[in-house]
Amino acid sequence: MRKGAKRKASKKEEAIKSTEEEDTTTAKEDSSKSTEEKTTKTESSKAGGRRKKVKTSKPESEPEFFPDRRNLEDLWKQVFPVGTEWDQLDQVYQYNWNFSNLENAFEEGGELYGQKVYLFGCTEPQLVFFKDEGKVTCIPVVVAVVSPFPPSDKIGINSVQREAEEIVPMKQMKMDWVPYIPLEDRDSRVERLKSQIFILSCTQRRAGLRHLKLERVKKFEYCLPYFYQPLQEDELEQSTIVQIIFPAEEKPIFCEFDWELDELEEFTDKLIEEEELPADQKDAFRDFVREKVREGKKANREARQARKKALEEMSEETKAAFQNMKFYKFYPVPTPDSPDVSNVKSPFINRYYRKAHIVL
């Protein structure tokens, strides 16, 4: 073959190769474009499927304000309501009683401001009305005793069923005077506080009552603080009545004999006439009554001597404290959340002292 023919053939092959390369490049570019378009469409469809949620702005709610707790707000609840039946305690707290008068008494200008005060609680069942409905309610009452020292360390236990009053130490009934810590001082160390408020507290828990005998449980319900007032006791009349429980043959004889008002002979004959006392036991009965009268007079005499001795040994400072000891009685103030007790208030507290000043 000639050289010229070879050169032409070579050029044709180069042209064909070049054309094939261009077609391959174009195909790749088209493929790449197609892939990009698919990707774009896919992304766009995804974007279309994931539509952004439009956040709606909520209206701003007004801030809620709570009233600040008062410094002595729980004082009345911390005071043990002595003498209240255990099953009545829940009823005492069924209303939102308000003792702001007690709190205000400790403020400047109040009856208890700057004083050393001992507080105890009690309840008074009274018929009161609440929301046009009347029912007997255990009204909580707080008594404040202004004194430089504890006004008593004794508890009196008495009821209509008991023959005589029993005077026992407070600690025997798990009661004692303890310092009250105001709310603003609860985070402080107790020993660093110089408390001026002491409350009567009881450590007996209701859950533990089931382990006690019924007689022991009932004792708590018959308790009353016993306040000994040596400067006033002489003003009180001593009892001239003795309880008589004569062990007669058929049945015991229960009666009371007043050695100032009753004449023994007439008293005995009347019992025989009423067939309460057998006639053949008349002399034995009279001797029994005379012995009881002697015991009663001896007890009165010893009590007078003990008071006289106590007064002689008492310092002038202690006498002044007894003379200046004051009692204040606080009832809950009227509120829409509790019954109005304004018409059932009484200045009397118990038989150990006559009256207390009611603080409105």
Protein backbone atom coordinates (compact mmCIF):
# COMPACT_ATOMS: atom_id res chain seq x y z
CA MET A 1 0.00 0.00 0.00
CA ARG A 2 1.12 3.50 -0.63
CA LYS A 3 2.27 5.83 2.08
CA GLY A 4 -0.37 8.42 1.24
CA ALA A 5 -3.13 5.92 1.66
CA LYS A 6 -1.81 4.93 5.09
CA ARG A 7 -1.70 8.57 6.22
CA LYS A 8 -5.38 9.07 5.18
CA ALA A 9 -6.49 6.01 7.00
CA SER A 10 -4.68 7.13 10.13
CA LYS A 11 -6.42 10.50 10.02
CA LYS A 12 -9.81 8.84 9.66
CA GLU A 13 -9.20 6.68 12.73
CA GLU A 14 -8.13 9.71 14.76
CA ALA A 15 -11.29 11.54 13.70
CA ILE A 16 -13.47 8.57 14.68
CA LYS A 17 -11.72 8.29 18.06
CA SER A 18 -12.13 11.97 18.70
CA THR A 19 -15.84 11.74 17.83
CA GLU A 20 -16.31 8.77 20.20
CA GLU A 21 -14.55 10.60 23.04
CA GLU A 22 -16.76 13.67 22.55
CA ASP A 23 -19.89 11.47 22.57
CA THR A 24 -18.73 9.77 25.76
CA THR A 25 -18.03 13.12 27.45
CA THR A 26 -21.42 14.47 26.34
CA ALA A 27 -23.16 11.36 27.63
CA LYS A 28 -21.43 11.69 30.99
CA GLU A 29 -22.37 15.36 31.22
CA ASP A 30 -25.98 14.54 30.32
CA SER A 31 -25.99 11.75 32.88
CA SER A 32 -24.54 14.09 35.49
CA LYS A 33 -27.13 16.74 34.66
CA SER A 34 -29.91 14.18 34.90
CA THR A 35 -28.65 13.02 38.27
CA GLU A 36 -28.43 16.61 39.51
CA GLU A 37 -31.95 17.30 38.26
CA LYS A 38 -33.25 14.19 40.03
CA THR A 39 -31.44 15.17 43.20
CA THR A 40 -32.86 18.68 42.98
CA LYS A 41 -36.36 17.32 42.41
CA THR A 42 -35.99 14.90 45.31
CA GLU A 43 -34.73 17.62 47.63
CA SER A 44 -37.49 19.89 46.51
CA SER A 45 -40.11 17.18 47.10
CA LYS A 46 -38.63 16.49 50.52
CA ALA A 47 -38.68 20.14 51.27
CA GLY A 48 -42.26 20.26 50.12
CA GLY A 49 -43.15 17.31 52.40
CA ARG A 50 -41.44 18.89 55.41
CA ARG A 51 -43.35 22.07 55.58
CA LYS A 52 -42.19 24.22 58.40
CA LYS A 53 -44.69 24.61 61.26
CA VAL A 54 -45.72 28.14 61.91
CA LYS A 55 -45.37 28.89 65.62
CA THR A 56 -48.33 30.75 67.03
CA SER A 57 -47.49 33.10 69.91
CA LYS A 58 -49.40 32.32 73.09
CA PRO A 59 -50.89 35.21 75.01
CA GLU A 60 -48.73 36.01 78.03
CA SER A 61 -50.46 34.95 81.26
CA GLU A 62 -50.52 37.38 84.14
CA PRO A 63 -48.04 36.50 86.93
CA GLU A 64 -49.64 34.81 89.94
CA PHE A 65 -48.88 36.38 93.29
CA PHE A 66 -48.99 34.53 96.61
CA PRO A 67 -49.32 36.46 99.87
CA ASP A 68 -46.23 36.42 102.05
CA ARG A 69 -46.48 34.12 105.05
CA ARG A 70 -46.83 35.98 108.31
CA ASN A 71 -44.05 35.46 110.84
CA LEU A 72 -46.35 34.02 113.55
CA GLU A 73 -48.92 32.55 111.18
CA ASP A 74 -48.77 28.98 112.56
CA LEU A 75 -48.39 29.94 116.23
CA TRP A 76 -51.93 28.92 117.25
CA LYS A 77 -51.56 25.55 115.49
CA GLN A 78 -48.32 24.78 117.31
CA VAL A 79 -49.98 25.19 120.72
CA PHE A 80 -51.35 21.89 122.06
CA PRO A 81 -55.14 22.06 122.73
CA VAL A 82 -54.97 20.49 126.18
CA GLY A 83 -58.04 18.57 127.36
CA THR A 84 -59.44 18.04 123.86
CA GLU A 85 -60.65 14.54 123.02
CA TRP A 86 -58.33 12.82 120.57
CA ASP A 87 -61.09 12.03 118.07
CA GLN A 88 -62.11 15.71 118.05
CA LEU A 89 -58.71 17.10 117.03
CA ASP A 90 -59.40 16.92 113.29
CA GLN A 91 -62.58 18.96 113.78
CA VAL A 92 -60.58 21.71 115.47
CA TYR A 93 -58.64 22.29 112.24
CA GLN A 94 -61.50 21.81 109.78
CA TYR A 95 -61.81 25.57 109.31
CA ASN A 96 -59.17 28.08 108.32
CA TRP A 97 -59.28 29.88 111.67
CA ASN A 98 -57.55 33.25 111.81
CA PHE A 99 -55.63 34.35 114.93
CA SER A 100 -54.24 37.59 113.57
CA ASN A 101 -55.27 39.21 116.88
CA LEU A 102 -52.76 36.92 118.64
CA GLU A 103 -50.07 37.81 116.11
CA ASN A 104 -50.77 41.53 116.44
CA ALA A 105 -50.51 41.30 120.24
CA PHE A 106 -46.76 40.65 119.82
CA GLU A 107 -46.29 43.72 117.63
CA GLU A 108 -45.26 47.09 119.03
CA GLY A 109 -48.14 48.53 121.00
CA GLY A 110 -49.74 45.11 121.54
CA GLU A 111 -50.57 43.51 124.88
CA LEU A 112 -47.73 40.96 124.61
CA TYR A 113 -45.06 43.12 122.98
CA GLY A 114 -41.63 42.64 124.57
CA GLN A 115 -43.03 40.26 127.21
CA LYS A 116 -42.07 36.73 128.16
CA VAL A 117 -45.18 34.73 127.31
CA TYR A 118 -46.37 31.17 127.90
CA LEU A 119 -49.17 29.92 125.65
CA PHE A 120 -51.49 26.94 125.96
CA GLY A 121 -54.52 25.97 123.94
CA CYS A 122 -57.93 24.53 124.69
CA THR A 123 -61.26 24.07 122.91
CA GLU A 124 -64.78 25.20 123.70
CA PRO A 125 -67.65 23.27 122.09
CA GLN A 126 -70.31 25.80 121.12
CA LEU A 127 -73.27 26.02 118.75
CA VAL A 128 -72.20 28.41 116.00
CA PHE A 129 -73.41 29.18 112.48
CA PHE A 130 -71.45 28.97 109.25
CA LYS A 131 -73.05 29.59 105.85
CA ASP A 132 -76.53 29.58 107.43
CA GLU A 133 -75.95 26.15 108.98
CA GLY A 134 -75.72 25.75 112.74
CA LYS A 135 -73.78 22.97 114.44
CA VAL A 136 -71.76 22.32 117.59
CA THR A 137 -68.14 23.19 116.81
CA CYS A 138 -64.90 22.79 118.76
CA ILE A 139 -63.70 26.39 118.85
CA PRO A 140 -59.93 26.69 119.35
CA VAL A 141 -58.85 29.13 122.05
CA VAL A 142 -55.34 30.30 122.95
CA VAL A 143 -54.50 31.52 126.46
CA ALA A 144 -51.40 33.66 126.97
CA VAL A 145 -49.78 33.95 130.41
CA VAL A 146 -47.35 36.83 130.89
CA SER A 147 -44.78 35.64 133.41
CA PRO A 148 -40.98 35.78 133.87
CA PHE A 149 -40.96 32.03 134.68
CA PRO A 150 -43.13 29.01 133.72
CA PRO A 151 -46.51 29.60 135.36
CA SER A 152 -46.90 25.90 136.17
CA ASP A 153 -45.24 22.52 135.86
CA LYS A 154 -48.37 20.62 136.89
CA ILE A 155 -51.44 19.25 135.13
CA GLY A 156 -54.80 18.73 136.84
CA ILE A 157 -56.79 15.66 135.78
CA ASN A 158 -60.47 15.82 136.60
CA SER A 159 -63.87 14.78 135.26
CA VAL A 160 -67.36 14.18 136.55
CA GLN A 161 -66.59 10.47 136.71
CA ARG A 162 -63.51 10.85 138.92
CA GLU A 163 -63.90 10.98 142.71
CA ALA A 164 -61.11 13.49 143.23
CA GLU A 165 -58.84 15.67 141.18
CA GLU A 166 -55.37 14.33 140.47
CA ILE A 167 -52.43 16.74 140.23
CA VAL A 168 -49.46 15.31 138.31
CA PRO A 169 -46.24 16.71 136.80
CA MET A 170 -46.64 17.84 133.20
CA LYS A 171 -43.90 15.49 132.04
CA GLN A 172 -45.90 12.52 133.30
CA MET A 173 -48.45 13.40 130.60
CA LYS A 174 -45.66 14.03 128.05
CA MET A 175 -46.23 17.79 128.18
CA ASP A 176 -43.78 20.63 128.66
CA TRP A 177 -43.14 24.28 127.83
CA VAL A 178 -40.96 24.57 124.71
CA PRO A 179 -39.73 27.65 122.82
CA TYR A 180 -41.66 28.69 119.74
CA ILE A 181 -39.52 29.58 116.73
CA PRO A 182 -41.04 32.22 114.38
CA LEU A 183 -41.00 31.41 110.66
CA GLU A 184 -38.26 33.90 109.80
CA ASP A 185 -35.94 32.27 112.37
CA ARG A 186 -36.54 28.62 111.40
CA ASP A 187 -33.20 28.45 109.56
CA SER A 188 -31.27 29.71 112.59
CA ARG A 189 -29.77 27.55 115.31
CA VAL A 190 -32.25 27.27 118.16
CA GLU A 191 -29.66 27.61 120.92
CA ARG A 192 -28.66 31.02 119.56
CA LEU A 193 -32.18 32.37 119.71
CA LYS A 194 -33.42 34.15 122.81
CA SER A 195 -37.03 33.11 122.61
CA GLN A 196 -39.65 35.09 124.49
CA ILE A 197 -42.53 32.83 123.43
CA PHE A 198 -43.04 29.41 124.99
CA ILE A 199 -45.84 27.01 124.09
CA LEU A 200 -47.33 24.00 125.84
CA SER A 201 -46.38 21.01 123.73
CA CYS A 202 -47.34 17.33 123.95
CA THR A 203 -45.13 14.60 122.49
CA GLN A 204 -47.80 11.88 122.72
CA ARG A 205 -48.60 10.82 119.16
CA ARG A 206 -52.09 9.73 118.14
CA ALA A 207 -50.66 6.71 116.33
CA GLY A 208 -49.31 5.44 119.65
CA LEU A 209 -52.64 5.63 121.48
CA ARG A 210 -53.61 2.12 120.39
CA HIS A 211 -50.79 0.77 122.55
CA LEU A 212 -52.12 2.53 125.68
CA LYS A 213 -54.78 1.42 128.12
CA LEU A 214 -58.13 3.19 127.82
CA GLU A 215 -57.74 4.79 131.26
CA ARG A 216 -54.42 6.34 130.20
CA VAL A 217 -55.93 7.65 126.94
CA LYS A 218 -58.86 9.22 128.81
CA LYS A 219 -56.50 11.02 131.19
CA PHE A 220 -55.33 13.22 128.31
CA GLU A 221 -58.92 14.25 127.64
CA TYR A 222 -59.48 15.31 131.27
CA CYS A 223 -56.31 17.44 131.54
CA LEU A 224 -56.28 21.10 132.48
CA PRO A 225 -53.25 23.26 133.28
CA TYR A 226 -52.92 23.65 137.04
CA PHE A 227 -51.88 27.17 138.06
CA TYR A 228 -50.94 27.60 141.69
CA GLN A 229 -51.53 31.14 142.89
CA PRO A 230 -50.18 31.35 146.45
CA LEU A 231 -51.05 35.04 146.78
CA GLN A 232 -54.71 34.40 145.97
CA GLU A 233 -55.39 31.00 147.50
CA ASP A 234 -56.24 32.47 150.90
CA GLU A 235 -59.00 34.48 149.25
CA LEU A 236 -60.64 31.29 147.99
CA GLU A 237 -62.99 29.40 150.27
CA GLN A 238 -61.71 26.01 151.32
CA SER A 239 -64.11 23.16 150.81
CA THR A 240 -66.07 21.89 153.83
CA ILE A 241 -67.52 18.94 151.90
CA VAL A 242 -66.23 15.38 152.19
CA GLN A 243 -67.03 12.49 149.89
CA ILE A 244 -68.52 9.52 151.73
CA ILE A 245 -68.28 5.96 150.39
CA PHE A 246 -69.46 3.83 153.31
CA PRO A 247 -69.01 0.05 152.86
CA ALA A 248 -72.43 -1.07 154.07
CA GLU A 249 -73.29 -4.77 154.16
CA GLU A 250 -75.83 -4.83 151.33
CA LYS A 251 -74.45 -2.10 149.08
CA PRO A 252 -72.02 0.82 149.47
CA ILE A 253 -73.47 4.20 150.40
CA PHE A 254 -72.35 7.16 148.26
CA CYS A 255 -73.07 10.67 149.56
CA GLU A 256 -71.58 14.06 150.38
CA PHE A 257 -71.42 15.53 153.86
CA ASP A 258 -70.87 19.24 154.57
CA TRP A 259 -69.57 19.63 158.12
CA GLU A 260 -70.71 23.28 158.27
CA LEU A 261 -74.23 22.84 156.88
CA ASP A 262 -75.18 19.26 157.82
CA GLU A 263 -75.92 17.94 161.30
CA LEU A 264 -74.61 14.39 161.58
CA GLU A 265 -77.49 12.96 163.68
CA GLU A 266 -80.19 14.26 161.33
CA PHE A 267 -78.16 13.26 158.28
CA THR A 268 -77.83 9.68 159.53
CA ASP A 269 -81.51 9.33 160.53
CA LYS A 270 -82.61 10.51 157.10
CA LEU A 271 -80.53 7.79 155.43
CA ILE A 272 -82.12 5.19 157.70
CA GLU A 273 -85.59 6.55 156.97
CA GLU A 274 -84.93 6.29 153.23
CA GLU A 275 -83.72 2.73 153.76
CA GLU A 276 -80.30 3.58 152.41
CA LEU A 277 -78.60 2.72 155.71
CA PRO A 278 -79.47 -0.26 157.93
CA ALA A 279 -80.41 0.88 161.45
CA ASP A 280 -77.91 -1.48 163.08
CA GLN A 281 -75.03 0.28 161.24
CA LYS A 282 -75.90 3.77 162.46
CA ASP A 283 -73.02 4.07 164.94
CA ALA A 284 -70.49 2.67 162.46
CA PHE A 285 -71.64 5.14 159.82
CA ARG A 286 -71.37 8.14 162.17
CA ASP A 287 -67.84 7.12 163.19
CA PHE A 288 -66.92 6.75 159.54
CA VAL A 289 -68.21 10.26 158.69
CA ARG A 290 -66.43 11.81 161.70
CA GLU A 291 -63.15 10.29 160.51
CA LYS A 292 -63.64 11.71 157.01
CA VAL A 293 -64.40 15.14 158.46
CA ARG A 294 -61.21 15.02 160.54
CA GLU A 295 -59.22 14.13 157.41
CA GLY A 296 -60.83 17.00 155.47
CA LYS A 297 -60.10 19.57 158.18
CA LYS A 298 -56.53 18.29 158.50
CA ALA A 299 -55.99 18.63 154.73
CA ASN A 300 -57.27 22.22 154.80
CA ARG A 301 -55.07 23.06 157.78
CA GLU A 302 -51.97 21.58 156.15
CA ALA A 303 -52.72 23.45 152.91
CA ARG A 304 -52.94 26.76 154.79
CA GLN A 305 -49.67 26.04 156.58
CA ALA A 306 -47.94 25.11 153.33
CA ARG A 307 -49.10 28.34 151.66
CA LYS A 308 -48.00 30.36 154.64
CA LYS A 309 -44.56 28.76 154.59
CA ALA A 310 -44.25 29.23 150.83
CA LEU A 311 -45.07 32.92 151.17
CA GLU A 312 -42.55 33.38 153.97
CA GLU A 313 -39.78 31.78 151.91
CA MET A 314 -40.77 33.51 148.68
CA SER A 315 -38.50 36.28 147.43
CA GLU A 316 -39.90 39.71 146.77
CA GLU A 317 -39.10 39.27 143.10
CA THR A 318 -41.17 36.08 142.93
CA LYS A 319 -44.03 37.72 144.82
CA ALA A 320 -44.00 40.59 142.36
CA ALA A 321 -44.05 38.10 139.47
CA PHE A 322 -47.13 36.36 140.89
CA GLN A 323 -48.84 39.69 141.51
CA ASN A 324 -48.11 40.92 137.97
CA MET A 325 -48.94 37.65 136.23
CA LYS A 326 -51.56 38.36 133.56
CA PHE A 327 -53.82 36.11 131.52
CA TYR A 328 -55.08 36.92 128.04
CA LYS A 329 -57.59 34.86 126.08
CA PHE A 330 -57.67 34.82 122.27
CA TYR A 331 -60.57 33.66 120.11
CA PRO A 332 -60.31 33.44 116.30
CA VAL A 333 -61.34 36.62 114.49
CA PRO A 334 -64.27 36.55 112.01
CA THR A 335 -63.41 35.63 108.41
CA PRO A 336 -65.40 34.32 105.42
CA ASP A 337 -63.63 30.95 105.86
CA SER A 338 -64.74 30.25 109.45
CA PRO A 339 -67.75 30.62 111.77
CA ASP A 340 -68.23 33.86 113.68
CA VAL A 341 -67.69 33.13 117.39
CA SER A 342 -68.26 36.69 118.63
CA ASN A 343 -71.42 35.75 120.55
CA VAL A 344 -69.98 32.77 122.47
CA LYS A 345 -66.88 34.29 124.04
CA SER A 346 -66.32 33.83 127.77
CA PRO A 347 -63.68 35.45 130.00
CA PHE A 348 -63.52 32.36 132.22
CA ILE A 349 -60.79 29.82 131.50
CA ASN A 350 -60.96 27.19 134.24
CA ARG A 351 -61.39 26.90 137.97
CA TYR A 352 -57.75 27.64 138.84
CA TYR A 353 -58.11 31.36 138.18
CA ARG A 354 -61.16 33.45 137.70
CA LYS A 355 -60.94 35.55 134.58
CA ALA A 356 -58.68 36.49 131.71
CA HIS A 357 -58.73 39.57 129.51
CA ILE A 358 -60.28 38.74 126.10
CA VAL A 359 -58.22 40.22 123.27
CA LEU A 360 -60.33 41.19 120.24
